[in-house]
Amino acid sequence: MKRVLTVAGGYLREVAHHKAFYGVAAAAVILTLALPFLSAAEVGIQLDLFREASLGLGSIMAFLSALLLASTALRGEIARRTIYNSLTKGVRRWEYYLGKFLGIAAALLFSLFLFFLVVLVMVLARFRVFHPGMAKAFFAIWLEASLLASVCLWVSLYFQSFISVLLGALFYVVGHVKGHMLYKAMTSSDANPWARFVAGLFYFILPNLERLNINETVAHGERAFPLGAGKLALLAGMALAFTAIFVVLGMVSFDSKDL
């Protein structure tokens, strides 16, 4: 684990110089700070609306950051051949891969934590409401972003960064619509049998990312659906299990890849 953490720490230092990563985070923060000055503020922007919009911006920031970091973390080093500097110093391939993923997950966690503090202060300053419960939504956003990063990092072993981003985005979209569209296609009696088979295959092998979308619930104070520790643990278990699967697939693929 020492070598894994060394790789993760090295990647975090690399992210510290990643201008595009800072650009995404800065855009999300600026838009959040600008929310009270939108036209809706003229009639008094509602607390729930502000929280929901802020969490939505946090989701977008995490989504873009996960795709950006995961699609370039390995691809760039392989292209520049700087990866050999680590692999020739006794670091196993699976350790290097796992370290890179943990570095991405840590970078996402750090950026979301800072964004959470910004939103917490904004809510307190404008509405005189202290709502640390928003951390639940940011935790779910981080789980989803880490899962997305695990997929995109694996895919980046076989495709260029742009294609990896597209495939990662496709995974994100399908994961959110599977509960409705894929289920409907799988159970429709009018659909082609092959179409039903393919829909059913993706329905059962892909995670239901919509379950991790608790932004609206948290933004409205969990009045309709309280989110206790048990429910959060189930969400975390589902997300971490799928993340582990994709990380293991990536480690196995990286170990056998011809560099």
C-alpha atoms as a PDB file:
ATOM      1  CA  MET A   1       0.000   0.000   0.000  1.00  0.00           C
ATOM      2  CA  LYS A   2       2.940   2.344   0.528  1.00  0.00           C
ATOM      3  CA  ARG A   3       3.745   2.273  -3.179  1.00  0.00           C
ATOM      4  CA  VAL A   4       0.056   2.716  -4.061  1.00  0.00           C
ATOM      5  CA  LEU A   5      -0.234   5.752  -1.807  1.00  0.00           C
ATOM      6  CA  THR A   6       2.995   7.171  -3.211  1.00  0.00           C
ATOM      7  CA  VAL A   7       1.546   7.002  -6.724  1.00  0.00           C
ATOM      8  CA  ALA A   8      -1.722   8.530  -5.479  1.00  0.00           C
ATOM      9  CA  GLY A   9       0.142  11.368  -3.768  1.00  0.00           C
ATOM     10  CA  GLY A  10       2.205  12.000  -6.873  1.00  0.00           C
ATOM     11  CA  TYR A  11      -0.938  12.259  -8.969  1.00  0.00           C
ATOM     12  CA  LEU A  12      -2.493  14.704  -6.505  1.00  0.00           C
ATOM     13  CA  ARG A  13       0.561  16.923  -6.909  1.00  0.00           C
ATOM     14  CA  GLU A  14       0.117  16.634 -10.663  1.00  0.00           C
ATOM     15  CA  VAL A  15      -3.552  17.653 -10.396  1.00  0.00           C
ATOM     16  CA  ALA A  16      -2.432  20.728  -8.472  1.00  0.00           C
ATOM     17  CA  HIS A  17      -1.005  21.978 -11.776  1.00  0.00           C
ATOM     18  CA  HIS A  18      -3.992  20.899 -13.877  1.00  0.00           C
ATOM     19  CA  LYS A  19      -5.439  24.159 -15.210  1.00  0.00           C
ATOM     20  CA  ALA A  20      -8.532  22.573 -16.759  1.00  0.00           C
ATOM     21  CA  PHE A  21      -9.435  20.973 -13.405  1.00  0.00           C
ATOM     22  CA  TYR A  22      -9.220  24.358 -11.691  1.00  0.00           C
ATOM     23  CA  GLY A  23     -11.246  25.889 -14.510  1.00  0.00           C
ATOM     24  CA  VAL A  24     -14.142  23.488 -13.995  1.00  0.00           C
ATOM     25  CA  ALA A  25     -14.122  24.030 -10.217  1.00  0.00           C
ATOM     26  CA  ALA A  26     -13.864  27.818 -10.555  1.00  0.00           C
ATOM     27  CA  ALA A  27     -16.764  27.930 -13.034  1.00  0.00           C
ATOM     28  CA  ALA A  28     -18.981  25.977 -10.628  1.00  0.00           C
ATOM     29  CA  VAL A  29     -18.089  28.260  -7.698  1.00  0.00           C
ATOM     30  CA  ILE A  30     -18.650  31.443  -9.748  1.00  0.00           C
ATOM     31  CA  LEU A  31     -22.045  30.247 -10.963  1.00  0.00           C
ATOM     32  CA  THR A  32     -23.022  29.360  -7.386  1.00  0.00           C
ATOM     33  CA  LEU A  33     -22.001  32.803  -6.148  1.00  0.00           C
ATOM     34  CA  ALA A  34     -24.021  34.336  -8.988  1.00  0.00           C
ATOM     35  CA  LEU A  35     -27.233  32.420  -8.190  1.00  0.00           C
ATOM     36  CA  PRO A  36     -28.633  35.062  -5.778  1.00  0.00           C
ATOM     37  CA  PHE A  37     -28.248  37.707  -8.482  1.00  0.00           C
ATOM     38  CA  LEU A  38     -30.282  35.887 -11.125  1.00  0.00           C
ATOM     39  CA  SER A  39     -33.697  37.204 -12.163  1.00  0.00           C
ATOM     40  CA  ALA A  40     -35.412  34.879  -9.690  1.00  0.00           C
ATOM     41  CA  ALA A  41     -33.739  36.791  -6.873  1.00  0.00           C
ATOM     42  CA  GLU A  42     -35.884  39.825  -7.651  1.00  0.00           C
ATOM     43  CA  VAL A  43     -38.886  38.130  -6.093  1.00  0.00           C
ATOM     44  CA  GLY A  44     -36.825  36.371  -3.446  1.00  0.00           C
ATOM     45  CA  ILE A  45     -35.031  33.211  -4.458  1.00  0.00           C
ATOM     46  CA  GLN A  46     -36.217  30.276  -2.407  1.00  0.00           C
ATOM     47  CA  LEU A  47     -33.883  28.370  -0.133  1.00  0.00           C
ATOM     48  CA  ASP A  48     -34.787  25.000  -1.646  1.00  0.00           C
ATOM     49  CA  LEU A  49     -34.233  26.298  -5.163  1.00  0.00           C
ATOM     50  CA  PHE A  50     -30.835  27.693  -4.252  1.00  0.00           C
ATOM     51  CA  ARG A  51     -29.738  24.458  -2.613  1.00  0.00           C
ATOM     52  CA  GLU A  52     -30.991  22.365  -5.526  1.00  0.00           C
ATOM     53  CA  ALA A  53     -29.256  24.583  -8.089  1.00  0.00           C
ATOM     54  CA  SER A  54     -26.014  24.533  -6.080  1.00  0.00           C
ATOM     55  CA  LEU A  55     -26.064  20.757  -5.765  1.00  0.00           C
ATOM     56  CA  GLY A  56     -26.767  20.500  -9.489  1.00  0.00           C
ATOM     57  CA  LEU A  57     -23.704  22.611 -10.217  1.00  0.00           C
ATOM     58  CA  GLY A  58     -21.706  20.398  -7.866  1.00  0.00           C
ATOM     59  CA  SER A  59     -22.848  17.329  -9.794  1.00  0.00           C
ATOM     60  CA  ILE A  60     -21.831  18.881 -13.105  1.00  0.00           C
ATOM     61  CA  MET A  61     -18.448  19.896 -11.695  1.00  0.00           C
ATOM     62  CA  ALA A  62     -17.801  16.375 -10.397  1.00  0.00           C
ATOM     63  CA  PHE A  63     -19.021  14.790 -13.653  1.00  0.00           C
ATOM     64  CA  LEU A  64     -16.717  16.905 -15.825  1.00  0.00           C
ATOM     65  CA  SER A  65     -13.772  16.576 -13.442  1.00  0.00           C
ATOM     66  CA  ALA A  66     -14.101  12.792 -13.301  1.00  0.00           C
ATOM     67  CA  LEU A  67     -14.135  12.509 -17.101  1.00  0.00           C
ATOM     68  CA  LEU A  68     -11.290  14.989 -17.502  1.00  0.00           C
ATOM     69  CA  LEU A  69      -8.975  13.432 -14.933  1.00  0.00           C
ATOM     70  CA  ALA A  70      -9.696   9.763 -15.649  1.00  0.00           C
ATOM     71  CA  SER A  71      -9.398  10.059 -19.428  1.00  0.00           C
ATOM     72  CA  THR A  72      -5.919  11.621 -19.192  1.00  0.00           C
ATOM     73  CA  ALA A  73      -4.361  10.156 -16.034  1.00  0.00           C
ATOM     74  CA  LEU A  74      -2.867   7.106 -17.760  1.00  0.00           C
ATOM     75  CA  ARG A  75      -3.236   8.026 -21.416  1.00  0.00           C
ATOM     76  CA  GLY A  76      -1.011  11.074 -21.072  1.00  0.00           C
ATOM     77  CA  GLU A  77       1.768   9.233 -19.239  1.00  0.00           C
ATOM     78  CA  ILE A  78       1.708   6.355 -21.714  1.00  0.00           C
ATOM     79  CA  ALA A  79       1.948   8.799 -24.606  1.00  0.00           C
ATOM     80  CA  ARG A  80       4.822  10.715 -22.969  1.00  0.00           C
ATOM     81  CA  ARG A  81       6.431   7.443 -21.798  1.00  0.00           C
ATOM     82  CA  THR A  82       6.908   8.920 -18.332  1.00  0.00           C
ATOM     83  CA  ILE A  83       5.115   5.875 -16.937  1.00  0.00           C
ATOM     84  CA  TYR A  84       8.316   3.856 -17.290  1.00  0.00           C
ATOM     85  CA  ASN A  85       9.984   6.007 -14.628  1.00  0.00           C
ATOM     86  CA  SER A  86       7.653   4.484 -12.033  1.00  0.00           C
ATOM     87  CA  LEU A  87       7.370   0.958 -13.416  1.00  0.00           C
ATOM     88  CA  THR A  88      11.144   0.564 -13.499  1.00  0.00           C
ATOM     89  CA  LYS A  89      11.443   1.464  -9.800  1.00  0.00           C
ATOM     90  CA  GLY A  90       9.717  -1.629  -8.457  1.00  0.00           C
ATOM     91  CA  VAL A  91       6.123  -0.386  -8.683  1.00  0.00           C
ATOM     92  CA  ARG A  92       3.869  -3.145  -9.957  1.00  0.00           C
ATOM     93  CA  ARG A  93       1.401  -2.302 -12.677  1.00  0.00           C
ATOM     94  CA  TRP A  94      -1.663  -2.970 -10.534  1.00  0.00           C
ATOM     95  CA  GLU A  95      -0.201  -0.773  -7.778  1.00  0.00           C
ATOM     96  CA  TYR A  96       0.373   2.023 -10.257  1.00  0.00           C
ATOM     97  CA  TYR A  97      -3.152   1.726 -11.651  1.00  0.00           C
ATOM     98  CA  LEU A  98      -4.767   1.611  -8.203  1.00  0.00           C
ATOM     99  CA  GLY A  99      -2.671   4.574  -7.078  1.00  0.00           C
ATOM    100  CA  LYS A 100      -3.821   6.614 -10.054  1.00  0.00           C
ATOM    101  CA  PHE A 101      -7.467   5.828  -9.324  1.00  0.00           C
ATOM    102  CA  LEU A 102      -7.124   6.674  -5.637  1.00  0.00           C
ATOM    103  CA  GLY A 103      -5.468   9.951  -6.613  1.00  0.00           C
ATOM    104  CA  ILE A 104      -8.404  10.801  -8.872  1.00  0.00           C
ATOM    105  CA  ALA A 105     -10.923   9.887  -6.157  1.00  0.00           C
ATOM    106  CA  ALA A 106      -9.020  12.005  -3.618  1.00  0.00           C
ATOM    107  CA  ALA A 107      -8.912  14.989  -6.002  1.00  0.00           C
ATOM    108  CA  LEU A 108     -12.667  14.703  -6.566  1.00  0.00           C
ATOM    109  CA  LEU A 109     -13.300  14.453  -2.826  1.00  0.00           C
ATOM    110  CA  PHE A 110     -11.153  17.506  -2.092  1.00  0.00           C
ATOM    111  CA  SER A 111     -12.823  19.661  -4.759  1.00  0.00           C
ATOM    112  CA  LEU A 112     -16.317  18.624  -3.649  1.00  0.00           C
ATOM    113  CA  PHE A 113     -15.457  19.324  -0.006  1.00  0.00           C
ATOM    114  CA  LEU A 114     -14.349  22.848  -0.865  1.00  0.00           C
ATOM    115  CA  PHE A 115     -17.466  23.372  -2.962  1.00  0.00           C
ATOM    116  CA  PHE A 116     -19.590  22.084  -0.078  1.00  0.00           C
ATOM    117  CA  LEU A 117     -18.022  24.683   2.229  1.00  0.00           C
ATOM    118  CA  VAL A 118     -18.792  27.434  -0.308  1.00  0.00           C
ATOM    119  CA  VAL A 119     -22.450  26.387  -0.561  1.00  0.00           C
ATOM    120  CA  LEU A 120     -22.738  25.964   3.219  1.00  0.00           C
ATOM    121  CA  VAL A 121     -21.460  29.505   3.792  1.00  0.00           C
ATOM    122  CA  MET A 122     -23.684  30.915   1.025  1.00  0.00           C
ATOM    123  CA  VAL A 123     -26.811  29.321   2.515  1.00  0.00           C
ATOM    124  CA  LEU A 124     -25.887  30.561   5.977  1.00  0.00           C
ATOM    125  CA  ALA A 125     -25.098  34.100   4.779  1.00  0.00           C
ATOM    126  CA  ARG A 126     -28.192  34.586   2.609  1.00  0.00           C
ATOM    127  CA  PHE A 127     -30.871  32.557   4.371  1.00  0.00           C
ATOM    128  CA  ARG A 128     -29.508  32.394   7.928  1.00  0.00           C
ATOM    129  CA  VAL A 129     -29.826  28.604   7.757  1.00  0.00           C
ATOM    130  CA  PHE A 130     -27.055  26.219   8.742  1.00  0.00           C
ATOM    131  CA  HIS A 131     -27.597  23.043   6.745  1.00  0.00           C
ATOM    132  CA  PRO A 132     -24.718  20.564   7.146  1.00  0.00           C
ATOM    133  CA  GLY A 133     -27.104  17.853   5.913  1.00  0.00           C
ATOM    134  CA  MET A 134     -26.131  18.881   2.372  1.00  0.00           C
ATOM    135  CA  ALA A 135     -23.016  16.809   2.971  1.00  0.00           C
ATOM    136  CA  LYS A 136     -25.175  13.736   2.256  1.00  0.00           C
ATOM    137  CA  ALA A 137     -25.805  14.917  -1.288  1.00  0.00           C
ATOM    138  CA  PHE A 138     -22.141  15.801  -1.825  1.00  0.00           C
ATOM    139  CA  PHE A 139     -21.176  12.351  -0.544  1.00  0.00           C
ATOM    140  CA  ALA A 140     -23.501  10.741  -3.089  1.00  0.00           C
ATOM    141  CA  ILE A 141     -22.096  13.005  -5.820  1.00  0.00           C
ATOM    142  CA  TRP A 142     -18.583  11.870  -4.905  1.00  0.00           C
ATOM    143  CA  LEU A 143     -19.609   8.206  -4.993  1.00  0.00           C
ATOM    144  CA  GLU A 144     -21.095   8.650  -8.457  1.00  0.00           C
ATOM    145  CA  ALA A 145     -18.112  10.646  -9.732  1.00  0.00           C
ATOM    146  CA  SER A 146     -15.671   8.024  -8.426  1.00  0.00           C
ATOM    147  CA  LEU A 147     -17.669   5.261 -10.126  1.00  0.00           C
ATOM    148  CA  LEU A 148     -17.666   7.223 -13.365  1.00  0.00           C
ATOM    149  CA  ALA A 149     -13.907   7.779 -13.038  1.00  0.00           C
ATOM    150  CA  SER A 150     -13.309   4.042 -12.544  1.00  0.00           C
ATOM    151  CA  VAL A 151     -15.115   3.330 -15.820  1.00  0.00           C
ATOM    152  CA  CYS A 152     -13.404   6.110 -17.760  1.00  0.00           C
ATOM    153  CA  LEU A 153      -9.945   5.165 -16.445  1.00  0.00           C
ATOM    154  CA  TRP A 154     -10.443   1.572 -17.586  1.00  0.00           C
ATOM    155  CA  VAL A 155     -11.740   2.618 -20.999  1.00  0.00           C
ATOM    156  CA  SER A 156      -8.792   5.009 -21.451  1.00  0.00           C
ATOM    157  CA  LEU A 157      -6.484   1.985 -21.671  1.00  0.00           C
ATOM    158  CA  TYR A 158      -7.966   1.182 -25.079  1.00  0.00           C
ATOM    159  CA  PHE A 159      -9.154   4.487 -26.539  1.00  0.00           C
ATOM    160  CA  GLN A 160      -7.950   8.043 -26.981  1.00  0.00           C
ATOM    161  CA  SER A 161      -9.005  10.608 -24.375  1.00  0.00           C
ATOM    162  CA  PHE A 162     -11.838  12.067 -26.469  1.00  0.00           C
ATOM    163  CA  ILE A 163     -13.400   8.632 -27.082  1.00  0.00           C
ATOM    164  CA  SER A 164     -12.953   7.748 -23.401  1.00  0.00           C
ATOM    165  CA  VAL A 165     -14.856  10.881 -22.418  1.00  0.00           C
ATOM    166  CA  LEU A 166     -17.678  10.031 -24.830  1.00  0.00           C
ATOM    167  CA  LEU A 167     -17.926   6.461 -23.551  1.00  0.00           C
ATOM    168  CA  GLY A 168     -17.829   7.659 -19.952  1.00  0.00           C
ATOM    169  CA  ALA A 169     -20.606  10.151 -20.682  1.00  0.00           C
ATOM    170  CA  LEU A 170     -22.619   7.380 -22.379  1.00  0.00           C
ATOM    171  CA  PHE A 171     -22.203   5.197 -19.296  1.00  0.00           C
ATOM    172  CA  TYR A 172     -23.416   8.085 -17.148  1.00  0.00           C
ATOM    173  CA  VAL A 173     -26.522   8.678 -19.299  1.00  0.00           C
ATOM    174  CA  VAL A 174     -27.449   4.996 -19.593  1.00  0.00           C
ATOM    175  CA  GLY A 175     -26.927   4.525 -15.856  1.00  0.00           C
ATOM    176  CA  HIS A 176     -29.443   7.272 -15.172  1.00  0.00           C
ATOM    177  CA  VAL A 177     -32.119   6.158 -17.656  1.00  0.00           C
ATOM    178  CA  LYS A 178     -31.869   2.403 -17.085  1.00  0.00           C
ATOM    179  CA  GLY A 179     -34.574   2.435 -14.433  1.00  0.00           C
ATOM    180  CA  HIS A 180     -37.124   3.753 -16.919  1.00  0.00           C
ATOM    181  CA  MET A 181     -36.067   3.431 -20.542  1.00  0.00           C
ATOM    182  CA  LEU A 182     -34.159   0.145 -20.363  1.00  0.00           C
ATOM    183  CA  TYR A 183     -36.809  -1.484 -18.188  1.00  0.00           C
ATOM    184  CA  LYS A 184     -39.502  -0.360 -20.607  1.00  0.00           C
ATOM    185  CA  ALA A 185     -37.545  -1.673 -23.607  1.00  0.00           C
ATOM    186  CA  MET A 186     -36.809  -4.942 -21.811  1.00  0.00           C
ATOM    187  CA  THR A 187     -40.421  -5.642 -20.915  1.00  0.00           C
ATOM    188  CA  SER A 188     -42.135  -4.264 -24.029  1.00  0.00           C
ATOM    189  CA  SER A 189     -44.023  -6.951 -25.923  1.00  0.00           C
ATOM    190  CA  ASP A 190     -43.846  -4.895 -29.128  1.00  0.00           C
ATOM    191  CA  ALA A 191     -40.059  -4.686 -29.208  1.00  0.00           C
ATOM    192  CA  ASN A 192     -37.763  -6.942 -31.232  1.00  0.00           C
ATOM    193  CA  PRO A 193     -36.573  -9.954 -29.180  1.00  0.00           C
ATOM    194  CA  TRP A 194     -32.937  -8.992 -29.754  1.00  0.00           C
ATOM    195  CA  ALA A 195     -33.671  -5.439 -28.650  1.00  0.00           C
ATOM    196  CA  ARG A 196     -35.293  -6.787 -25.483  1.00  0.00           C
ATOM    197  CA  PHE A 197     -32.291  -9.025 -24.874  1.00  0.00           C
ATOM    198  CA  VAL A 198     -29.773  -6.192 -25.274  1.00  0.00           C
ATOM    199  CA  ALA A 199     -31.875  -3.876 -23.100  1.00  0.00           C
ATOM    200  CA  GLY A 200     -32.159  -6.564 -20.430  1.00  0.00           C
ATOM    201  CA  LEU A 201     -28.426  -7.259 -20.554  1.00  0.00           C
ATOM    202  CA  PHE A 202     -27.524  -3.624 -19.941  1.00  0.00           C
ATOM    203  CA  TYR A 203     -30.303  -3.300 -17.359  1.00  0.00           C
ATOM    204  CA  PHE A 204     -28.829  -6.024 -15.161  1.00  0.00           C
ATOM    205  CA  ILE A 205     -25.088  -5.372 -15.598  1.00  0.00           C
ATOM    206  CA  LEU A 206     -25.096  -1.572 -15.242  1.00  0.00           C
ATOM    207  CA  PRO A 207     -25.610   0.271 -11.943  1.00  0.00           C
ATOM    208  CA  ASN A 208     -28.702   2.406 -11.445  1.00  0.00           C
ATOM    209  CA  LEU A 209     -27.033   5.794 -11.058  1.00  0.00           C
ATOM    210  CA  GLU A 210     -30.359   7.517 -10.546  1.00  0.00           C
ATOM    211  CA  ARG A 211     -30.440   6.067  -7.036  1.00  0.00           C
ATOM    212  CA  LEU A 212     -27.400   8.205  -6.226  1.00  0.00           C
ATOM    213  CA  ASN A 213     -29.234  11.339  -7.323  1.00  0.00           C
ATOM    214  CA  ILE A 214     -30.466  12.580  -3.950  1.00  0.00           C
ATOM    215  CA  ASN A 215     -29.946  16.274  -4.690  1.00  0.00           C
ATOM    216  CA  GLU A 216     -33.633  17.155  -4.781  1.00  0.00           C
ATOM    217  CA  THR A 217     -34.389  15.178  -1.630  1.00  0.00           C
ATOM    218  CA  VAL A 218     -31.620  16.895   0.336  1.00  0.00           C
ATOM    219  CA  ALA A 219     -32.357  20.327  -1.147  1.00  0.00           C
ATOM    220  CA  HIS A 220     -35.936  20.114   0.129  1.00  0.00           C
ATOM    221  CA  GLY A 221     -34.844  19.204   3.628  1.00  0.00           C
ATOM    222  CA  GLU A 222     -35.602  15.466   3.309  1.00  0.00           C
ATOM    223  CA  ARG A 223     -39.221  16.236   4.088  1.00  0.00           C
ATOM    224  CA  ALA A 224     -40.576  13.521   1.792  1.00  0.00           C
ATOM    225  CA  PHE A 225     -37.800  10.909   1.980  1.00  0.00           C
ATOM    226  CA  PRO A 226     -35.569  11.021   5.064  1.00  0.00           C
ATOM    227  CA  LEU A 227     -32.046   9.759   4.382  1.00  0.00           C
ATOM    228  CA  GLY A 228     -30.744   7.968   7.420  1.00  0.00           C
ATOM    229  CA  ALA A 229     -27.407   6.262   7.913  1.00  0.00           C
ATOM    230  CA  GLY A 230     -28.824   2.941   6.736  1.00  0.00           C
ATOM    231  CA  LYS A 231     -29.974   4.281   3.367  1.00  0.00           C
ATOM    232  CA  LEU A 232     -26.704   6.108   2.821  1.00  0.00           C
ATOM    233  CA  ALA A 233     -24.806   2.918   3.664  1.00  0.00           C
ATOM    234  CA  LEU A 234     -26.814   1.001   1.040  1.00  0.00           C
ATOM    235  CA  LEU A 235     -26.080   3.664  -1.585  1.00  0.00           C
ATOM    236  CA  ALA A 236     -22.407   3.630  -0.667  1.00  0.00           C
ATOM    237  CA  GLY A 237     -22.292  -0.174  -0.769  1.00  0.00           C
ATOM    238  CA  MET A 238     -23.846  -0.271  -4.245  1.00  0.00           C
ATOM    239  CA  ALA A 239     -21.577   2.445  -5.636  1.00  0.00           C
ATOM    240  CA  LEU A 240     -18.372   1.116  -4.061  1.00  0.00           C
ATOM    241  CA  ALA A 241     -19.110  -2.448  -5.195  1.00  0.00           C
ATOM    242  CA  PHE A 242     -19.454  -1.391  -8.844  1.00  0.00           C
ATOM    243  CA  THR A 243     -16.443   0.904  -8.500  1.00  0.00           C
ATOM    244  CA  ALA A 244     -14.353  -1.982  -7.162  1.00  0.00           C
ATOM    245  CA  ILE A 245     -15.434  -4.172 -10.092  1.00  0.00           C
ATOM    246  CA  PHE A 246     -14.347  -1.610 -12.678  1.00  0.00           C
ATOM    247  CA  VAL A 247     -11.100  -0.873 -10.835  1.00  0.00           C
ATOM    248  CA  VAL A 248     -10.235  -4.592 -10.753  1.00  0.00           C
ATOM    249  CA  LEU A 249     -11.084  -4.894 -14.453  1.00  0.00           C
ATOM    250  CA  GLY A 250      -8.790  -1.955 -15.099  1.00  0.00           C
ATOM    251  CA  MET A 251      -5.941  -3.432 -13.057  1.00  0.00           C
ATOM    252  CA  VAL A 252      -6.199  -6.766 -14.875  1.00  0.00           C
ATOM    253  CA  SER A 253      -6.333  -5.019 -18.260  1.00  0.00           C
ATOM    254  CA  PHE A 254      -3.395  -2.740 -17.414  1.00  0.00           C
ATOM    255  CA  ASP A 255      -1.339  -5.670 -16.187  1.00  0.00           C
ATOM    256  CA  SER A 256      -1.707  -7.438 -19.550  1.00  0.00           C
ATOM    257  CA  LYS A 257      -1.463  -4.326 -21.740  1.00  0.00           C
ATOM    258  CA  ASP A 258       1.461  -4.055 -24.112  1.00  0.00           C
ATOM    259  CA  LEU A 259       3.132  -0.734 -23.282  1.00  0.00           C
END
